Amino acid sequence: MEMQMDFDRLLLFEHARRTAEVTYAKNPLDTENLTRWGGALLELSTFQSVEESKTMIKDAISKLDEALSIDPKKHDALWCMGNAQTSYAFLTLDKDAAKSYFDSAYTYFQKAIDEDPSNELYQKSIEVAAKAPELHEQLHKQNFSQQVMASGAGAGASTSSNARDLKSQKSSDLKYDICGWVILAVSIVAWVGFAKANVPPSQ
C-alpha cells in the first residue's frame, strides 16, 4: 500500500515537472509555474540517492531563484526555497556548510511570514528551522556511531560488505527521516498548485 502511494506520488510529481517544463517554454516569466516546478523537483529529490537528491535540490533552488527574481515577495516561493535550503542542509555532512543552508532557510521562512503573517504552515516551518541545526548534528552523530559500530562488528570481506550495506541502509533511512517533515508541506503546496494549473476554465 505504502509502495503504491510512493509510486503514485512519484508519477504525480514527475508529471508536474514535465508540465512545468512545457509551460516554461511558453512563458518563462510565470512565477506560479516556476514555484510548482521547484516544488516538484524538491518532492522528486526524496526518491533519489543522496548525491542525485542534492543535484535535484540545486535544480529546485535554481527554479525558485528564477521565480523570486521576478517576484521577490512571492511568499509560497520564499517558503518553498526555505524547504529546499533545509533539505540540502540535512544532506550536507559538514556542520559549518550545513549551518549556512539552515541560516538561509530561516531567512526565507521569515520573509514568507513577513509576506503572509497568518499562514500557520509558515509559522511551523520557522519553528522547525530554528531547531534544525541541532537536529542535524544529533542525526549525523547517531549515524556516525551506528557506522562505527557496524564496521567494528567483525573482520573480513563479508563483514565490511555488511557494514557497507548497513551504512547505505542507515544513510538512506536517515535521508528519508530528515526529508520527511518537508515532504508533507511541499506536497500540500505542489498539490494545490497542480490542481490550480489543471482546473478547466469556468464557463
Protein backbone atom coordinates (compact mmCIF):
# COMPACT_ATOMS: atom_id res chain seq x y z
CA MET A 1 0.00 0.00 0.00
CA GLU A 2 2.74 2.43 1.02
CA MET A 3 4.81 1.50 -2.05
CA GLN A 4 1.77 2.17 -4.25
CA MET A 5 1.32 5.60 -2.61
CA ASP A 6 5.02 6.38 -3.17
CA PHE A 7 4.73 5.30 -6.79
CA ASP A 8 1.60 7.44 -7.26
CA ARG A 9 3.40 10.40 -5.71
CA LEU A 10 6.39 9.84 -7.96
CA LEU A 11 4.15 9.77 -11.05
CA LEU A 12 2.24 12.86 -9.94
CA PHE A 13 5.33 14.98 -9.37
CA GLU A 14 7.09 13.69 -12.47
CA HIS A 15 4.00 14.77 -14.44
CA ALA A 16 4.06 18.14 -12.64
CA ARG A 17 7.74 18.58 -13.53
CA ARG A 18 7.16 17.79 -17.21
CA THR A 19 4.11 20.07 -17.36
CA ALA A 20 6.18 22.85 -15.79
CA GLU A 21 8.91 22.40 -18.42
CA VAL A 22 6.35 22.74 -21.24
CA THR A 23 4.74 25.79 -19.60
CA TYR A 24 8.17 27.37 -19.04
CA ALA A 25 8.97 27.08 -22.76
CA LYS A 26 5.80 29.09 -23.48
CA ASN A 27 6.14 31.59 -20.63
CA PRO A 28 9.45 31.71 -18.71
CA LEU A 29 8.16 34.55 -16.51
CA ASP A 30 5.29 32.56 -14.95
CA THR A 31 6.20 32.62 -11.23
CA GLU A 32 3.42 30.17 -10.30
CA ASN A 33 4.83 27.67 -12.77
CA LEU A 34 8.42 28.18 -11.59
CA THR A 35 7.31 27.65 -7.98
CA ARG A 36 5.42 24.47 -8.92
CA TRP A 37 8.47 23.26 -10.85
CA GLY A 38 10.75 23.88 -7.87
CA GLY A 39 8.28 22.11 -5.56
CA ALA A 40 8.02 19.11 -7.90
CA LEU A 41 11.82 18.80 -8.10
CA LEU A 42 12.08 19.03 -4.33
CA GLU A 43 9.48 16.31 -3.96
CA LEU A 44 11.16 14.10 -6.59
CA SER A 45 14.52 14.51 -4.81
CA THR A 46 13.23 12.29 -1.99
CA PHE A 47 13.21 9.32 -4.39
CA GLN A 48 16.89 9.70 -5.33
CA SER A 49 20.24 8.66 -3.89
CA VAL A 50 21.87 11.30 -1.67
CA GLU A 51 24.06 12.74 -4.45
CA GLU A 52 21.26 12.71 -7.04
CA SER A 53 18.98 14.24 -4.44
CA LYS A 54 21.42 17.09 -3.83
CA THR A 55 21.63 17.75 -7.58
CA MET A 56 17.84 17.81 -7.87
CA ILE A 57 17.51 20.14 -4.88
CA LYS A 58 20.01 22.50 -6.52
CA ASP A 59 17.82 22.45 -9.64
CA ALA A 60 14.80 23.26 -7.45
CA ILE A 61 16.71 26.17 -5.87
CA SER A 62 17.55 27.45 -9.35
CA LYS A 63 13.86 27.44 -10.40
CA LEU A 64 12.79 29.13 -7.16
CA ASP A 65 15.55 31.72 -7.61
CA GLU A 66 14.08 32.50 -11.02
CA ALA A 67 10.60 32.91 -9.54
CA LEU A 68 11.92 35.18 -6.78
CA SER A 69 13.96 37.29 -9.19
CA ILE A 70 10.65 38.05 -10.96
CA ASP A 71 8.58 38.47 -7.79
CA PRO A 72 10.72 38.78 -4.62
CA LYS A 73 7.60 38.88 -2.42
CA LYS A 74 6.04 35.63 -3.66
CA HIS A 75 5.52 34.02 -0.27
CA ASP A 76 4.93 30.43 -1.43
CA ALA A 77 8.17 30.56 -3.45
CA LEU A 78 10.00 32.02 -0.42
CA TRP A 79 8.63 29.24 1.77
CA CYS A 80 9.46 26.55 -0.79
CA MET A 81 13.00 27.97 -1.02
CA GLY A 82 13.29 27.65 2.77
CA ASN A 83 12.35 23.97 2.45
CA ALA A 84 14.87 23.45 -0.35
CA GLN A 85 17.67 25.05 1.73
CA THR A 86 16.68 22.92 4.73
CA SER A 87 16.63 19.71 2.68
CA TYR A 88 20.06 20.48 1.22
CA ALA A 89 21.44 21.29 4.69
CA PHE A 90 20.31 17.95 6.09
CA LEU A 91 22.10 16.15 3.25
CA THR A 92 25.30 18.13 3.91
CA LEU A 93 27.71 16.36 6.26
CA ASP A 94 29.94 19.36 7.03
CA LYS A 95 28.43 21.11 10.06
CA ASP A 96 29.50 24.65 9.06
CA ALA A 97 28.31 24.26 5.46
CA ALA A 98 25.00 22.84 6.70
CA LYS A 99 24.60 25.75 9.12
CA SER A 100 24.85 28.29 6.30
CA TYR A 101 21.99 26.49 4.49
CA PHE A 102 19.94 26.36 7.69
CA ASP A 103 20.54 30.09 8.25
CA SER A 104 19.47 30.78 4.68
CA ALA A 105 16.34 28.63 5.17
CA TYR A 106 15.42 30.55 8.32
CA THR A 107 15.75 33.85 6.41
CA TYR A 108 13.48 32.60 3.61
CA PHE A 109 10.89 31.32 6.09
CA GLN A 110 10.94 34.69 7.85
CA LYS A 111 10.43 36.51 4.55
CA ALA A 112 7.49 34.21 3.75
CA ILE A 113 5.95 35.04 7.14
CA ASP A 114 6.53 38.77 6.54
CA GLU A 115 4.50 38.46 3.34
CA ASP A 116 1.78 36.19 4.79
CA PRO A 117 1.83 36.55 8.62
CA SER A 118 -1.30 34.48 9.28
CA ASN A 119 -0.03 31.37 7.48
CA GLU A 120 0.28 28.63 10.14
CA LEU A 121 2.40 26.40 7.90
CA TYR A 122 5.00 29.15 7.56
CA GLN A 123 4.96 29.71 11.33
CA LYS A 124 5.52 25.99 11.95
CA SER A 125 8.32 25.88 9.39
CA ILE A 126 10.27 28.65 11.09
CA GLU A 127 9.88 26.92 14.47
CA VAL A 128 11.33 23.72 12.99
CA ALA A 129 14.06 25.69 11.18
CA ALA A 130 15.25 27.13 14.50
CA LYS A 131 15.79 23.58 15.82
CA ALA A 132 17.16 22.14 12.58
CA PRO A 133 20.94 22.66 13.16
CA GLU A 134 20.75 20.81 16.49
CA LEU A 135 18.71 18.00 14.90
CA HIS A 136 21.24 17.80 12.04
CA GLU A 137 24.09 17.37 14.50
CA GLN A 138 22.26 14.70 16.51
CA LEU A 139 21.26 12.74 13.41
CA HIS A 140 24.74 12.78 11.94
CA LYS A 141 26.33 11.81 15.27
CA GLN A 142 23.86 8.95 15.59
CA ASN A 143 24.51 7.87 12.01
CA PHE A 144 28.29 8.05 12.56
CA SER A 145 28.16 5.99 15.77
CA GLN A 146 25.99 3.36 14.03
CA GLN A 147 28.50 3.17 11.19
CA VAL A 148 31.42 2.79 13.63
CA MET A 149 29.57 0.02 15.49
CA ALA A 150 28.74 -1.71 12.23
CA SER A 151 32.30 -1.52 10.90
CA GLY A 152 33.72 -2.71 14.25
CA ALA A 153 31.40 -5.71 14.41
CA GLY A 154 33.95 -8.13 12.96
CA ALA A 155 36.60 -8.66 10.32
CA GLY A 156 36.80 -9.97 6.79
CA ALA A 157 35.24 -9.13 3.46
CA SER A 158 31.74 -10.24 4.38
CA THR A 159 31.71 -8.01 7.45
CA SER A 160 32.91 -4.95 5.56
CA SER A 161 30.30 -5.73 2.92
CA ASN A 162 27.65 -5.98 5.65
CA ALA A 163 28.89 -2.72 7.16
CA ARG A 164 28.64 -1.06 3.76
CA ASP A 165 25.12 -2.42 3.33
CA LEU A 166 24.15 -1.23 6.82
CA LYS A 167 25.80 2.12 6.20
CA SER A 168 23.92 2.62 2.96
CA GLN A 169 20.67 1.43 4.60
CA LYS A 170 21.18 3.79 7.57
CA SER A 171 22.14 6.64 5.23
CA SER A 172 19.01 6.00 3.20
CA ASP A 173 16.84 5.80 6.34
CA LEU A 174 18.41 8.99 7.66
CA LYS A 175 17.76 10.80 4.40
CA TYR A 176 14.09 9.84 4.43
CA ASP A 177 13.73 10.72 8.12
CA ILE A 178 15.08 14.21 7.63
CA CYS A 179 13.26 14.89 4.42
CA GLY A 180 10.02 13.58 5.87
CA TRP A 181 8.87 16.76 7.53
CA VAL A 182 9.49 18.70 4.32
CA ILE A 183 7.56 16.26 2.14
CA LEU A 184 4.10 16.83 3.57
CA ALA A 185 4.40 20.59 3.44
CA VAL A 186 5.81 20.69 -0.09
CA SER A 187 3.18 18.16 -1.16
CA ILE A 188 0.42 20.48 0.01
CA VAL A 189 1.78 23.42 -1.99
CA ALA A 190 2.51 21.30 -5.05
CA TRP A 191 -0.91 19.58 -4.96
CA VAL A 192 -2.69 22.92 -4.65
CA GLY A 193 -0.58 24.46 -7.41
CA PHE A 194 -1.01 21.38 -9.59
CA ALA A 195 -4.77 21.42 -9.03
CA LYS A 196 -4.94 25.14 -9.89
CA ALA A 197 -2.94 24.56 -13.05
CA ASN A 198 -5.27 21.78 -14.21
CA VAL A 199 -8.64 23.28 -13.34
CA PRO A 200 -10.64 23.81 -16.54
CA PRO A 201 -11.66 27.43 -17.06
CA SER A 202 -15.13 28.22 -15.77
CA GLN A 203 -17.79 28.71 -18.40
